[in-house]
Amino acid sequence: MKTNAMKFLFIPVLICLTVFTSTNAQTALDEQLKVEAKLLGLMVGYEKPLGGDFLLNLGVGQLGGFGPSINRNRNADFYFTTAFEVEPRYYYNRNRRLSKGKNVQQNVGNYLALQFMGVPNWASWSTNGRDVVFEKSVTAIPTWGMRRKLAKNIVFDLELGIGYGWWEIDGSQVALNLGIGFAYVFGVSN
């Protein structure tokens, strides 16, 4: 992976962490662990309140896709690879939700985020057992999201965004974030 791409990933994350952790306000956000089934994968995550309405969402998991096989049967295969996510979030409507008596437990609300995703091409596999090689990549995507509680420990998360990405072979290009998922939340603090 090119050095410039790595700098683009780590420098903004460090700046966000510095700004967000410098705030000393007491937060109403919850620290929690979660297992999330996304549209195309499974992630394990940790959410750490940073102060005020800011939160850091960290995740690791297997993200996948669907594509044609190269074998002679021409069957379609599912394929998966390891991905890492770092996402600073700002929940912009928590006070309004609280004033209307709406639920904010388990970090429910609308948010703006900057999603950084890295795919290092570790532990990649396909459903037909063939070796799969993914391009190493890093993406940075400004994102709008909403999170809603469905049951005691189950939340629905929707994310939409457009940003930029760097791929080892294809170079840089526009990247999209369409995240739809259901998470089981283990409250570290509630």
Protein backbone atom coordinates (compact mmCIF):
# COMPACT_ATOMS: atom_id res chain seq x y z
CA MET A 1 0.00 0.00 0.00
CA LYS A 2 1.33 3.41 -0.89
CA THR A 3 2.68 5.59 1.90
CA ASN A 4 0.39 8.50 0.92
CA ALA A 5 -2.68 6.31 1.32
CA MET A 6 -1.56 5.22 4.79
CA LYS A 7 -0.91 8.85 5.79
CA PHE A 8 -4.39 9.76 4.56
CA LEU A 9 -5.85 7.09 6.82
CA PHE A 10 -3.89 7.71 10.01
CA ILE A 11 -3.41 11.50 10.11
CA PRO A 12 -7.17 12.35 10.07
CA VAL A 13 -7.85 9.63 12.64
CA LEU A 14 -5.23 11.09 14.97
CA ILE A 15 -6.61 14.61 14.48
CA CYS A 16 -10.18 13.41 15.19
CA LEU A 17 -9.07 11.55 18.32
CA THR A 18 -7.17 14.60 19.60
CA VAL A 19 -10.13 16.93 19.04
CA PHE A 20 -12.75 14.53 20.36
CA THR A 21 -10.87 13.49 23.49
CA SER A 22 -10.03 17.08 24.43
CA THR A 23 -13.67 17.66 25.31
CA ASN A 24 -14.35 17.14 29.02
CA ALA A 25 -18.15 17.17 28.87
CA GLN A 26 -20.03 14.28 30.43
CA THR A 27 -21.50 12.06 27.73
CA ALA A 28 -24.84 10.30 27.52
CA LEU A 29 -23.48 7.89 24.91
CA ASP A 30 -22.97 4.25 25.88
CA GLU A 31 -19.71 2.31 25.77
CA GLN A 32 -20.55 -1.06 24.25
CA LEU A 33 -19.47 -4.15 22.37
CA LYS A 34 -21.51 -5.38 19.41
CA VAL A 35 -21.76 -8.16 16.85
CA GLU A 36 -23.18 -6.78 13.62
CA ALA A 37 -24.59 -8.64 10.63
CA LYS A 38 -24.15 -6.26 7.71
CA LEU A 39 -25.53 -6.50 4.21
CA LEU A 40 -22.42 -8.37 3.07
CA GLY A 41 -20.57 -9.56 6.12
CA LEU A 42 -20.16 -9.91 9.85
CA MET A 43 -18.30 -7.43 12.07
CA VAL A 44 -17.37 -7.34 15.74
CA GLY A 45 -17.22 -3.81 17.07
CA TYR A 46 -16.52 -1.60 20.04
CA GLU A 47 -18.01 1.86 20.59
CA LYS A 48 -16.17 4.26 22.88
CA PRO A 49 -17.71 7.61 23.89
CA LEU A 50 -15.19 10.43 23.48
CA GLY A 51 -17.13 13.21 25.18
CA GLY A 52 -20.24 15.20 24.41
CA ASP A 53 -21.99 13.77 21.37
CA PHE A 54 -18.84 12.18 19.92
CA LEU A 55 -18.12 8.47 19.72
CA LEU A 56 -15.42 6.27 18.18
CA ASN A 57 -16.70 3.13 16.44
CA LEU A 58 -14.06 0.42 15.86
CA GLY A 59 -14.67 -2.84 14.01
CA VAL A 60 -13.04 -5.91 12.54
CA GLY A 61 -14.69 -8.68 10.58
CA GLN A 62 -15.31 -10.50 7.35
CA LEU A 63 -16.87 -8.49 4.54
CA GLY A 64 -17.99 -10.21 1.38
CA GLY A 65 -19.33 -9.96 -2.07
CA PHE A 66 -20.95 -11.96 -4.78
CA GLY A 67 -19.41 -12.73 -8.14
CA PRO A 68 -19.20 -15.22 -10.97
CA SER A 69 -16.96 -18.21 -10.67
CA ILE A 70 -14.22 -18.95 -13.16
CA ASN A 71 -14.83 -22.70 -12.94
CA ARG A 72 -16.42 -24.60 -15.81
CA ASN A 73 -19.83 -24.85 -14.10
CA ARG A 74 -20.11 -21.05 -14.20
CA ASN A 75 -21.72 -20.98 -10.78
CA ALA A 76 -21.75 -17.77 -8.80
CA ASP A 77 -19.67 -17.70 -5.62
CA PHE A 78 -19.65 -15.72 -2.41
CA TYR A 79 -16.26 -14.42 -1.33
CA PHE A 80 -15.05 -12.86 1.91
CA THR A 81 -12.05 -10.97 3.25
CA THR A 82 -10.93 -9.36 6.49
CA ALA A 83 -11.69 -5.66 6.95
CA PHE A 84 -10.88 -3.09 9.66
CA GLU A 85 -13.06 -0.05 10.36
CA VAL A 86 -12.36 3.16 12.29
CA GLU A 87 -15.28 5.59 12.37
CA PRO A 88 -15.47 8.78 14.46
CA ARG A 89 -19.17 9.70 14.84
CA TYR A 90 -21.01 12.85 15.86
CA TYR A 91 -24.60 12.27 17.08
CA TYR A 92 -26.29 15.51 16.10
CA ASN A 93 -29.86 14.93 17.29
CA ARG A 94 -29.53 13.36 20.75
CA ASN A 95 -30.69 16.46 22.67
CA ARG A 96 -33.75 16.82 20.44
CA ARG A 97 -34.58 13.11 20.88
CA LEU A 98 -34.22 13.46 24.66
CA SER A 99 -36.44 16.58 24.76
CA LYS A 100 -39.16 14.67 22.86
CA GLY A 101 -38.90 11.69 25.22
CA LYS A 102 -37.50 9.40 22.53
CA ASN A 103 -35.10 6.54 23.21
CA VAL A 104 -31.35 7.25 23.10
CA GLN A 105 -30.14 4.06 24.84
CA GLN A 106 -27.56 1.97 22.99
CA ASN A 107 -26.47 5.05 21.01
CA VAL A 108 -29.73 5.40 19.10
CA GLY A 109 -30.00 8.52 16.95
CA ASN A 110 -28.76 10.16 13.76
CA TYR A 111 -25.07 10.79 13.20
CA LEU A 112 -22.43 12.15 10.87
CA ALA A 113 -19.25 10.11 10.56
CA LEU A 114 -16.01 9.74 8.71
CA GLN A 115 -15.61 6.04 7.94
CA PHE A 116 -12.11 4.72 7.36
CA MET A 117 -11.98 1.12 6.12
CA GLY A 118 -8.89 -0.94 5.41
CA VAL A 119 -8.72 -4.28 3.60
CA PRO A 120 -5.26 -5.85 4.07
CA ASN A 121 -6.04 -9.08 2.12
CA TRP A 122 -5.76 -11.35 5.14
CA ALA A 123 -7.93 -14.43 5.61
CA SER A 124 -9.71 -14.20 2.25
CA TRP A 125 -11.81 -17.13 1.06
CA SER A 126 -14.63 -18.15 -1.26
CA THR A 127 -17.53 -20.58 -0.96
CA ASN A 128 -16.06 -22.92 -3.57
CA GLY A 129 -12.75 -23.30 -1.72
CA ARG A 130 -10.59 -21.58 -4.34
CA ASP A 131 -7.95 -19.10 -3.25
CA VAL A 132 -9.15 -15.51 -3.51
CA VAL A 133 -6.85 -12.53 -3.82
CA PHE A 134 -8.27 -9.13 -2.90
CA GLU A 135 -6.62 -5.84 -3.64
CA LYS A 136 -5.32 -4.13 -0.55
CA SER A 137 -7.36 -0.97 -0.09
CA VAL A 138 -8.09 1.99 2.15
CA THR A 139 -11.24 4.12 1.92
CA ALA A 140 -12.28 7.37 3.59
CA ILE A 141 -16.00 8.11 3.30
CA PRO A 142 -17.99 10.97 4.90
CA THR A 143 -21.18 9.24 6.02
CA TRP A 144 -24.67 10.02 7.29
CA GLY A 145 -26.20 7.35 9.48
CA MET A 146 -29.16 6.49 11.67
CA ARG A 147 -29.49 3.92 14.39
CA ARG A 148 -32.75 2.62 15.85
CA LYS A 149 -33.49 0.18 18.65
CA LEU A 150 -35.64 -2.78 17.59
CA ALA A 151 -35.58 -4.94 20.72
CA LYS A 152 -33.84 -5.07 24.10
CA ASN A 153 -30.32 -5.63 22.70
CA ILE A 154 -30.93 -5.41 18.94
CA VAL A 155 -30.41 -2.25 16.89
CA PHE A 156 -30.77 -1.41 13.19
CA ASP A 157 -28.09 0.73 11.54
CA LEU A 158 -28.27 2.45 8.14
CA GLU A 159 -25.30 4.35 6.65
CA LEU A 160 -25.02 6.28 3.38
CA GLY A 161 -21.92 8.02 2.08
CA ILE A 162 -19.65 8.80 -0.82
CA GLY A 163 -15.92 9.36 -0.54
CA TYR A 164 -12.56 8.28 -1.86
CA GLY A 165 -10.55 5.07 -1.89
CA TRP A 166 -7.12 3.74 -2.84
CA TRP A 167 -6.66 0.24 -4.25
CA GLU A 168 -3.29 -1.44 -4.68
CA ILE A 169 -3.79 -2.21 -8.38
CA ASP A 170 -6.68 0.01 -9.55
CA GLY A 171 -5.38 3.18 -7.91
CA SER A 172 -7.66 5.86 -6.47
CA GLN A 173 -11.33 6.27 -7.26
CA VAL A 174 -14.73 7.16 -5.82
CA ALA A 175 -15.92 4.86 -3.01
CA LEU A 176 -19.46 4.33 -1.72
CA ASN A 177 -20.78 3.33 1.68
CA LEU A 178 -24.20 1.68 1.75
CA GLY A 179 -24.27 0.07 5.15
CA ILE A 180 -27.34 -1.82 6.32
CA GLY A 181 -27.04 -3.95 9.39
CA PHE A 182 -28.52 -5.41 12.53
CA ALA A 183 -26.41 -5.54 15.67
CA TYR A 184 -26.64 -7.41 18.95
CA VAL A 185 -25.31 -5.00 21.56
CA PHE A 186 -23.52 -6.01 24.77
CA GLY A 187 -23.66 -2.94 27.00
CA VAL A 188 -20.37 -2.23 28.73
CA SER A 189 -22.07 0.75 30.37
CA ASN A 190 -25.73 1.79 30.13
